[in-house]
């Protein structure tokens, strides 16, 4: 893993460590990160579902399924690790002025036809 990737990822790594993930967050930077994270599927599933509103504070969001509206604004650095990420509509618009966003869908990320 290139050092610059690890350096840019540091703030997300710190969020995940604070959220007490049972794996080393830097594995998310590897090509086969999904295979590694699937080993912790019970941990992710046990976190339940997370349904966001249009204005979220951010932080570490770890869940079996994350549901986002078609437009969401995060007010702090945000890292999402979820088996499934769903959003309302054909496109997802994320605003996070001056903040970092990292999204890791283990299984898939998908827009749904009904409005969320």
C-alpha atoms as a PDB file:
ATOM      1  CA  UNK A   1       0.000   0.000   0.000  1.00  0.00           C
ATOM      2  CA  UNK A   2       1.528   3.328  -1.017  1.00  0.00           C
ATOM      3  CA  UNK A   3       2.387   5.587   1.901  1.00  0.00           C
ATOM      4  CA  UNK A   4       0.401   8.507   0.476  1.00  0.00           C
ATOM      5  CA  UNK A   5      -2.795   6.414   0.486  1.00  0.00           C
ATOM      6  CA  UNK A   6      -2.226   5.462   4.112  1.00  0.00           C
ATOM      7  CA  UNK A   7      -1.538   9.105   5.001  1.00  0.00           C
ATOM      8  CA  UNK A   8      -4.747  10.350   3.398  1.00  0.00           C
ATOM      9  CA  UNK A   9      -6.666   7.489   5.016  1.00  0.00           C
ATOM     10  CA  UNK A  10      -5.365   8.227   8.524  1.00  0.00           C
ATOM     11  CA  UNK A  11      -8.396  10.289   9.600  1.00  0.00           C
ATOM     12  CA  UNK A  12     -10.777   7.508   8.489  1.00  0.00           C
ATOM     13  CA  UNK A  13      -8.616   4.903  10.192  1.00  0.00           C
ATOM     14  CA  UNK A  14      -8.848   6.883  13.439  1.00  0.00           C
ATOM     15  CA  UNK A  15     -12.655   7.056  13.142  1.00  0.00           C
ATOM     16  CA  UNK A  16     -12.856   3.289  12.641  1.00  0.00           C
ATOM     17  CA  UNK A  17     -10.526   2.578  15.556  1.00  0.00           C
ATOM     18  CA  UNK A  18     -12.677   4.829  17.769  1.00  0.00           C
ATOM     19  CA  UNK A  19     -15.712   2.811  16.598  1.00  0.00           C
ATOM     20  CA  UNK A  20     -13.859  -0.332  17.756  1.00  0.00           C
ATOM     21  CA  UNK A  21     -13.873  -2.288  14.501  1.00  0.00           C
ATOM     22  CA  UNK A  22     -12.325  -5.734  15.033  1.00  0.00           C
ATOM     23  CA  UNK A  23      -9.986  -5.419  12.043  1.00  0.00           C
ATOM     24  CA  UNK A  24      -7.068  -3.220  11.097  1.00  0.00           C
ATOM     25  CA  UNK A  25      -8.724  -0.388   9.105  1.00  0.00           C
ATOM     26  CA  UNK A  26      -5.802  -0.166   6.673  1.00  0.00           C
ATOM     27  CA  UNK A  27      -6.971  -3.443   5.089  1.00  0.00           C
ATOM     28  CA  UNK A  28      -9.626  -1.309   3.383  1.00  0.00           C
ATOM     29  CA  UNK A  29      -6.869   0.146   1.221  1.00  0.00           C
ATOM     30  CA  UNK A  30      -5.956  -3.204  -0.320  1.00  0.00           C
ATOM     31  CA  UNK A  31      -7.281  -4.621  -3.573  1.00  0.00           C
ATOM     32  CA  UNK A  32      -8.985  -7.549  -1.836  1.00  0.00           C
ATOM     33  CA  UNK A  33     -10.397  -5.615   1.136  1.00  0.00           C
ATOM     34  CA  UNK A  34     -13.871  -7.135   0.660  1.00  0.00           C
ATOM     35  CA  UNK A  35     -12.523 -10.637   1.247  1.00  0.00           C
ATOM     36  CA  UNK A  36     -10.917  -9.522   4.522  1.00  0.00           C
ATOM     37  CA  UNK A  37     -13.950  -7.590   5.767  1.00  0.00           C
ATOM     38  CA  UNK A  38     -16.318 -10.479   4.982  1.00  0.00           C
ATOM     39  CA  UNK A  39     -14.534 -12.389   7.752  1.00  0.00           C
ATOM     40  CA  UNK A  40     -16.120  -9.860  10.145  1.00  0.00           C
ATOM     41  CA  UNK A  41     -19.608 -10.088   8.661  1.00  0.00           C
ATOM     42  CA  UNK A  42     -21.167 -10.966  12.027  1.00  0.00           C
ATOM     43  CA  UNK A  43     -19.742  -7.781  13.554  1.00  0.00           C
ATOM     44  CA  UNK A  44     -21.099  -5.625  10.731  1.00  0.00           C
ATOM     45  CA  UNK A  45     -24.508  -7.335  10.687  1.00  0.00           C
ATOM     46  CA  UNK A  46     -24.826  -6.989  14.465  1.00  0.00           C
ATOM     47  CA  UNK A  47     -24.581  -3.204  14.092  1.00  0.00           C
ATOM     48  CA  UNK A  48     -28.055  -3.272  12.510  1.00  0.00           C
ATOM     49  CA  UNK A  49     -29.327  -0.795   9.959  1.00  0.00           C
ATOM     50  CA  UNK A  50     -28.571   2.903   9.714  1.00  0.00           C
ATOM     51  CA  UNK A  51     -31.077   5.266   8.109  1.00  0.00           C
ATOM     52  CA  UNK A  52     -29.619   8.687   7.431  1.00  0.00           C
ATOM     53  CA  UNK A  53     -31.433  11.966   7.131  1.00  0.00           C
ATOM     54  CA  UNK A  54     -30.468  14.755   4.723  1.00  0.00           C
ATOM     55  CA  UNK A  55     -28.106  16.377   7.230  1.00  0.00           C
ATOM     56  CA  UNK A  56     -25.838  13.979   9.068  1.00  0.00           C
ATOM     57  CA  UNK A  57     -22.994  14.760  11.422  1.00  0.00           C
ATOM     58  CA  UNK A  58     -20.795  12.005   9.982  1.00  0.00           C
ATOM     59  CA  UNK A  59     -18.150   9.947  11.755  1.00  0.00           C
ATOM     60  CA  UNK A  60     -17.838   6.178  11.436  1.00  0.00           C
ATOM     61  CA  UNK A  61     -21.007   4.527  10.160  1.00  0.00           C
ATOM     62  CA  UNK A  62     -20.816   0.754  10.370  1.00  0.00           C
ATOM     63  CA  UNK A  63     -23.983  -1.166   9.622  1.00  0.00           C
ATOM     64  CA  UNK A  64     -25.499  -4.151   7.889  1.00  0.00           C
ATOM     65  CA  UNK A  65     -27.473  -1.812   5.614  1.00  0.00           C
ATOM     66  CA  UNK A  66     -27.066   1.957   5.285  1.00  0.00           C
ATOM     67  CA  UNK A  67     -29.947   3.860   3.725  1.00  0.00           C
ATOM     68  CA  UNK A  68     -29.168   7.343   2.443  1.00  0.00           C
ATOM     69  CA  UNK A  69     -31.513   9.899   0.904  1.00  0.00           C
ATOM     70  CA  UNK A  70     -30.697  10.904  -2.689  1.00  0.00           C
ATOM     71  CA  UNK A  71     -29.033  14.045  -1.308  1.00  0.00           C
ATOM     72  CA  UNK A  72     -27.082  14.065   1.942  1.00  0.00           C
ATOM     73  CA  UNK A  73     -24.774  16.597   3.575  1.00  0.00           C
ATOM     74  CA  UNK A  74     -22.136  15.482   6.080  1.00  0.00           C
ATOM     75  CA  UNK A  75     -20.722  18.049   8.493  1.00  0.00           C
ATOM     76  CA  UNK A  76     -17.616  16.065   9.485  1.00  0.00           C
ATOM     77  CA  UNK A  77     -15.288  13.434   8.073  1.00  0.00           C
ATOM     78  CA  UNK A  78     -17.285  10.286   7.369  1.00  0.00           C
ATOM     79  CA  UNK A  79     -16.410   6.671   6.693  1.00  0.00           C
ATOM     80  CA  UNK A  80     -19.112   4.146   5.839  1.00  0.00           C
ATOM     81  CA  UNK A  81     -18.520   0.400   6.016  1.00  0.00           C
ATOM     82  CA  UNK A  82     -21.670  -1.600   5.310  1.00  0.00           C
ATOM     83  CA  UNK A  83     -22.738  -4.807   3.680  1.00  0.00           C
ATOM     84  CA  UNK A  84     -25.282  -2.895   1.628  1.00  0.00           C
ATOM     85  CA  UNK A  85     -25.680   0.799   0.874  1.00  0.00           C
ATOM     86  CA  UNK A  86     -28.967   1.989  -0.587  1.00  0.00           C
ATOM     87  CA  UNK A  87     -29.931   5.480  -1.685  1.00  0.00           C
ATOM     88  CA  UNK A  88     -33.136   7.054  -2.964  1.00  0.00           C
ATOM     89  CA  UNK A  89     -33.208   7.684  -6.687  1.00  0.00           C
ATOM     90  CA  UNK A  90     -30.906   6.914  -9.593  1.00  0.00           C
ATOM     91  CA  UNK A  91     -28.056   9.107  -8.307  1.00  0.00           C
ATOM     92  CA  UNK A  92     -26.519   9.927  -4.944  1.00  0.00           C
ATOM     93  CA  UNK A  93     -25.390  13.476  -4.188  1.00  0.00           C
ATOM     94  CA  UNK A  94     -23.072  13.871  -1.201  1.00  0.00           C
ATOM     95  CA  UNK A  95     -21.971  17.254   0.074  1.00  0.00           C
ATOM     96  CA  UNK A  96     -19.262  17.567   2.669  1.00  0.00           C
ATOM     97  CA  UNK A  97     -17.592  20.926   2.265  1.00  0.00           C
ATOM     98  CA  UNK A  98     -13.992  20.581   3.404  1.00  0.00           C
ATOM     99  CA  UNK A  99     -14.614  17.111   4.849  1.00  0.00           C
ATOM    100  CA  UNK A 100     -13.486  13.684   3.734  1.00  0.00           C
ATOM    101  CA  UNK A 101     -15.820  10.869   2.707  1.00  0.00           C
ATOM    102  CA  UNK A 102     -14.858   7.195   2.340  1.00  0.00           C
ATOM    103  CA  UNK A 103     -17.451   4.585   1.379  1.00  0.00           C
ATOM    104  CA  UNK A 104     -16.867   0.822   1.508  1.00  0.00           C
ATOM    105  CA  UNK A 105     -19.832  -1.309   0.354  1.00  0.00           C
ATOM    106  CA  UNK A 106     -18.953  -4.939   1.124  1.00  0.00           C
ATOM    107  CA  UNK A 107     -21.717  -6.396  -1.044  1.00  0.00           C
ATOM    108  CA  UNK A 108     -23.170  -3.537  -3.112  1.00  0.00           C
ATOM    109  CA  UNK A 109     -24.261   0.086  -3.385  1.00  0.00           C
ATOM    110  CA  UNK A 110     -27.481   0.715  -5.244  1.00  0.00           C
ATOM    111  CA  UNK A 111     -30.107   3.338  -5.961  1.00  0.00           C
ATOM    112  CA  UNK A 112     -33.689   2.351  -5.289  1.00  0.00           C
ATOM    113  CA  UNK A 113     -36.644   3.558  -7.305  1.00  0.00           C
ATOM    114  CA  UNK A 114     -38.763   4.848  -4.446  1.00  0.00           C
ATOM    115  CA  UNK A 115     -37.829   8.033  -2.634  1.00  0.00           C
ATOM    116  CA  UNK A 116     -36.069   7.536   0.705  1.00  0.00           C
END
